[in-house]
Amino acid sequence: MPPTADFSGNPTSGYAPLTVDFTDLSTGSPTSWDWSFGDTGTSTAQNPSHDYTAVGSYTVALTATNAEGSDTETKPDYITVSEQPQTSCHVGAIDLVGQYKKTGAPSGRG
C-alpha cells in the first residue's frame, strides 16, 4: 500500500529570518521524502529544518514514497514570514556635565 503523506511545521509564522522544523507524519512506512518549501528550497531528509529569509507566505509540499507508490501533501500558505517590527529609543538631550535636560543646548555648567 502506498504511503499517505502528512507533516507539521513549527513554528508556522514569525519574523524573518525564520527557522522552521518540519516533522514527517506520513503513514504507510515511507522510505523516501521529497520536500518543497515554497521558496525554491528542497530537502530529502525525513524531518528537515528550513530557514526562510524573505517576508511572504509559503506553500509547503511533501511527497512520501515507498515501494508501492507515493503520495503528496500540499499545504497552501502554510508558512507566514513577517518583517521585524522597527523599534527606536530616544534618550533626550544631555548637557556637558551629564545632567538630563528636556530641551535646549548644553548649559556648560560645571
C-alpha atoms as a PDB file:
ATOM      1  CA  MET A   1       0.000   0.000   0.000  1.00  0.00           C
ATOM      2  CA  PRO A   2       1.402   3.457  -0.887  1.00  0.00           C
ATOM      3  CA  PRO A   3       2.056   5.900   1.957  1.00  0.00           C
ATOM      4  CA  THR A   4      -0.252   8.737   2.921  1.00  0.00           C
ATOM      5  CA  ALA A   5       1.819  11.917   3.176  1.00  0.00           C
ATOM      6  CA  ASP A   6       1.324  14.317   6.068  1.00  0.00           C
ATOM      7  CA  PHE A   7       3.522  16.721   8.008  1.00  0.00           C
ATOM      8  CA  SER A   8       3.665  19.529  10.509  1.00  0.00           C
ATOM      9  CA  GLY A   9       5.945  22.528  10.907  1.00  0.00           C
ATOM     10  CA  ASN A  10       6.922  24.519  13.964  1.00  0.00           C
ATOM     11  CA  PRO A  11       6.629  27.465  14.084  1.00  0.00           C
ATOM     12  CA  THR A  12       4.351  28.257  11.133  1.00  0.00           C
ATOM     13  CA  SER A  13       4.693  32.020  11.466  1.00  0.00           C
ATOM     14  CA  GLY A  14       7.219  34.534  12.744  1.00  0.00           C
ATOM     15  CA  TYR A  15       9.734  37.200  11.839  1.00  0.00           C
ATOM     16  CA  ALA A  16      12.437  36.867   9.191  1.00  0.00           C
ATOM     17  CA  PRO A  17      14.767  35.089   9.353  1.00  0.00           C
ATOM     18  CA  LEU A  18      12.529  32.203  10.481  1.00  0.00           C
ATOM     19  CA  THR A  19      13.779  28.649  11.073  1.00  0.00           C
ATOM     20  CA  VAL A  20      11.021  26.052  10.774  1.00  0.00           C
ATOM     21  CA  ASP A  21      11.395  22.456  11.946  1.00  0.00           C
ATOM     22  CA  PHE A  22       9.311  20.087   9.812  1.00  0.00           C
ATOM     23  CA  THR A  23       8.111  16.700  11.062  1.00  0.00           C
ATOM     24  CA  ASP A  24       7.041  13.849   8.792  1.00  0.00           C
ATOM     25  CA  LEU A  25       3.674  12.451   9.962  1.00  0.00           C
ATOM     26  CA  SER A  26       3.175  10.151   6.965  1.00  0.00           C
ATOM     27  CA  THR A  27       1.685   6.697   7.372  1.00  0.00           C
ATOM     28  CA  GLY A  28       2.343   3.567   5.332  1.00  0.00           C
ATOM     29  CA  SER A  29       6.067   3.298   6.031  1.00  0.00           C
ATOM     30  CA  PRO A  30       7.591   5.707   3.509  1.00  0.00           C
ATOM     31  CA  THR A  31      11.212   5.086   2.609  1.00  0.00           C
ATOM     32  CA  SER A  32      11.969   8.426   0.955  1.00  0.00           C
ATOM     33  CA  TRP A  33      10.802  12.021   1.294  1.00  0.00           C
ATOM     34  CA  ASP A  34      10.833  14.952  -1.088  1.00  0.00           C
ATOM     35  CA  TRP A  35      10.117  18.361   0.464  1.00  0.00           C
ATOM     36  CA  SER A  36       9.436  21.627  -1.332  1.00  0.00           C
ATOM     37  CA  PHE A  37       9.477  24.661   0.971  1.00  0.00           C
ATOM     38  CA  GLY A  38       7.905  27.169  -1.408  1.00  0.00           C
ATOM     39  CA  ASP A  39      10.959  29.405  -1.786  1.00  0.00           C
ATOM     40  CA  THR A  40      12.997  27.190  -4.158  1.00  0.00           C
ATOM     41  CA  GLY A  41      14.359  25.275  -1.154  1.00  0.00           C
ATOM     42  CA  THR A  42      14.060  21.473  -1.096  1.00  0.00           C
ATOM     43  CA  SER A  43      15.143  18.555   1.069  1.00  0.00           C
ATOM     44  CA  THR A  44      15.144  14.752   1.040  1.00  0.00           C
ATOM     45  CA  ALA A  45      15.535  14.425   4.829  1.00  0.00           C
ATOM     46  CA  GLN A  46      12.694  12.826   6.767  1.00  0.00           C
ATOM     47  CA  ASN A  47      12.455  15.656   9.321  1.00  0.00           C
ATOM     48  CA  PRO A  48      14.249  18.715   7.916  1.00  0.00           C
ATOM     49  CA  SER A  49      14.675  22.265   9.166  1.00  0.00           C
ATOM     50  CA  HIS A  50      14.454  25.175   6.759  1.00  0.00           C
ATOM     51  CA  ASP A  51      15.397  28.858   7.041  1.00  0.00           C
ATOM     52  CA  TYR A  52      13.026  31.388   5.494  1.00  0.00           C
ATOM     53  CA  THR A  53      14.863  34.657   4.942  1.00  0.00           C
ATOM     54  CA  ALA A  54      12.326  36.692   2.940  1.00  0.00           C
ATOM     55  CA  VAL A  55       8.971  38.087   4.031  1.00  0.00           C
ATOM     56  CA  GLY A  56       6.000  36.263   2.478  1.00  0.00           C
ATOM     57  CA  SER A  57       3.648  33.290   2.611  1.00  0.00           C
ATOM     58  CA  TYR A  58       4.951  29.910   1.530  1.00  0.00           C
ATOM     59  CA  THR A  59       3.228  26.764   0.296  1.00  0.00           C
ATOM     60  CA  VAL A  60       4.936  23.613   1.570  1.00  0.00           C
ATOM     61  CA  ALA A  61       4.651  20.181  -0.051  1.00  0.00           C
ATOM     62  CA  LEU A  62       5.870  16.726   0.979  1.00  0.00           C
ATOM     63  CA  THR A  63       5.949  13.695  -1.303  1.00  0.00           C
ATOM     64  CA  ALA A  64       6.359  10.451   0.638  1.00  0.00           C
ATOM     65  CA  THR A  65       7.346   7.342  -1.295  1.00  0.00           C
ATOM     66  CA  ASN A  66       7.679   3.607  -0.635  1.00  0.00           C
ATOM     67  CA  ALA A  67       7.980   0.531  -2.873  1.00  0.00           C
ATOM     68  CA  GLU A  68       4.198   0.582  -3.502  1.00  0.00           C
ATOM     69  CA  GLY A  69       3.936   4.200  -4.682  1.00  0.00           C
ATOM     70  CA  SER A  70       3.882   7.801  -3.481  1.00  0.00           C
ATOM     71  CA  ASP A  71       1.560  10.475  -2.137  1.00  0.00           C
ATOM     72  CA  THR A  72       1.883  14.257  -1.900  1.00  0.00           C
ATOM     73  CA  GLU A  73       0.517  16.528   0.813  1.00  0.00           C
ATOM     74  CA  THR A  74       0.455  20.239  -0.095  1.00  0.00           C
ATOM     75  CA  LYS A  75      -0.381  22.959   2.437  1.00  0.00           C
ATOM     76  CA  PRO A  76      -1.019  26.330   0.741  1.00  0.00           C
ATOM     77  CA  ASP A  77       0.317  29.426   2.531  1.00  0.00           C
ATOM     78  CA  TYR A  78       1.422  27.180   5.402  1.00  0.00           C
ATOM     79  CA  ILE A  79       4.355  29.357   6.482  1.00  0.00           C
ATOM     80  CA  THR A  80       3.995  33.112   7.014  1.00  0.00           C
ATOM     81  CA  VAL A  81       7.139  35.192   7.446  1.00  0.00           C
ATOM     82  CA  SER A  82       6.757  38.801   8.604  1.00  0.00           C
ATOM     83  CA  GLU A  83       9.121  41.743   8.765  1.00  0.00           C
ATOM     84  CA  GLN A  84      10.689  42.510  12.133  1.00  0.00           C
ATOM     85  CA  PRO A  85       8.911  45.460  13.778  1.00  0.00           C
ATOM     86  CA  GLN A  86      11.010  48.608  13.923  1.00  0.00           C
ATOM     87  CA  THR A  87      11.990  49.736  17.388  1.00  0.00           C
ATOM     88  CA  SER A  88      13.503  53.041  18.390  1.00  0.00           C
ATOM     89  CA  CYS A  89      14.912  54.549  21.515  1.00  0.00           C
ATOM     90  CA  HIS A  90      15.177  58.275  22.195  1.00  0.00           C
ATOM     91  CA  VAL A  91      17.405  59.380  25.030  1.00  0.00           C
ATOM     92  CA  GLY A  92      16.886  63.165  25.143  1.00  0.00           C
ATOM     93  CA  ALA A  93      19.425  65.945  25.493  1.00  0.00           C
ATOM     94  CA  ILE A  94      22.269  65.650  27.982  1.00  0.00           C
ATOM     95  CA  ASP A  95      24.295  68.721  28.948  1.00  0.00           C
ATOM     96  CA  LEU A  96      28.068  68.856  29.301  1.00  0.00           C
ATOM     97  CA  VAL A  97      28.038  67.805  32.965  1.00  0.00           C
ATOM     98  CA  GLY A  98      25.826  64.803  32.255  1.00  0.00           C
ATOM     99  CA  GLN A  99      22.577  66.167  33.679  1.00  0.00           C
ATOM    100  CA  TYR A 100      19.389  65.369  31.814  1.00  0.00           C
ATOM    101  CA  LYS A 101      17.681  68.282  30.116  1.00  0.00           C
ATOM    102  CA  LYS A 102      14.376  68.034  28.269  1.00  0.00           C
ATOM    103  CA  THR A 103      15.189  70.756  25.732  1.00  0.00           C
ATOM    104  CA  GLY A 104      17.813  73.302  24.902  1.00  0.00           C
ATOM    105  CA  ALA A 105      21.518  73.351  24.256  1.00  0.00           C
ATOM    106  CA  PRO A 106      24.170  72.183  26.714  1.00  0.00           C
ATOM    107  CA  SER A 107      24.457  74.623  29.609  1.00  0.00           C
ATOM    108  CA  GLY A 108      28.178  74.378  30.148  1.00  0.00           C
ATOM    109  CA  ARG A 109      27.750  74.340  33.939  1.00  0.00           C
ATOM    110  CA  GLY A 110      30.490  72.592  35.743  1.00  0.00           C
END
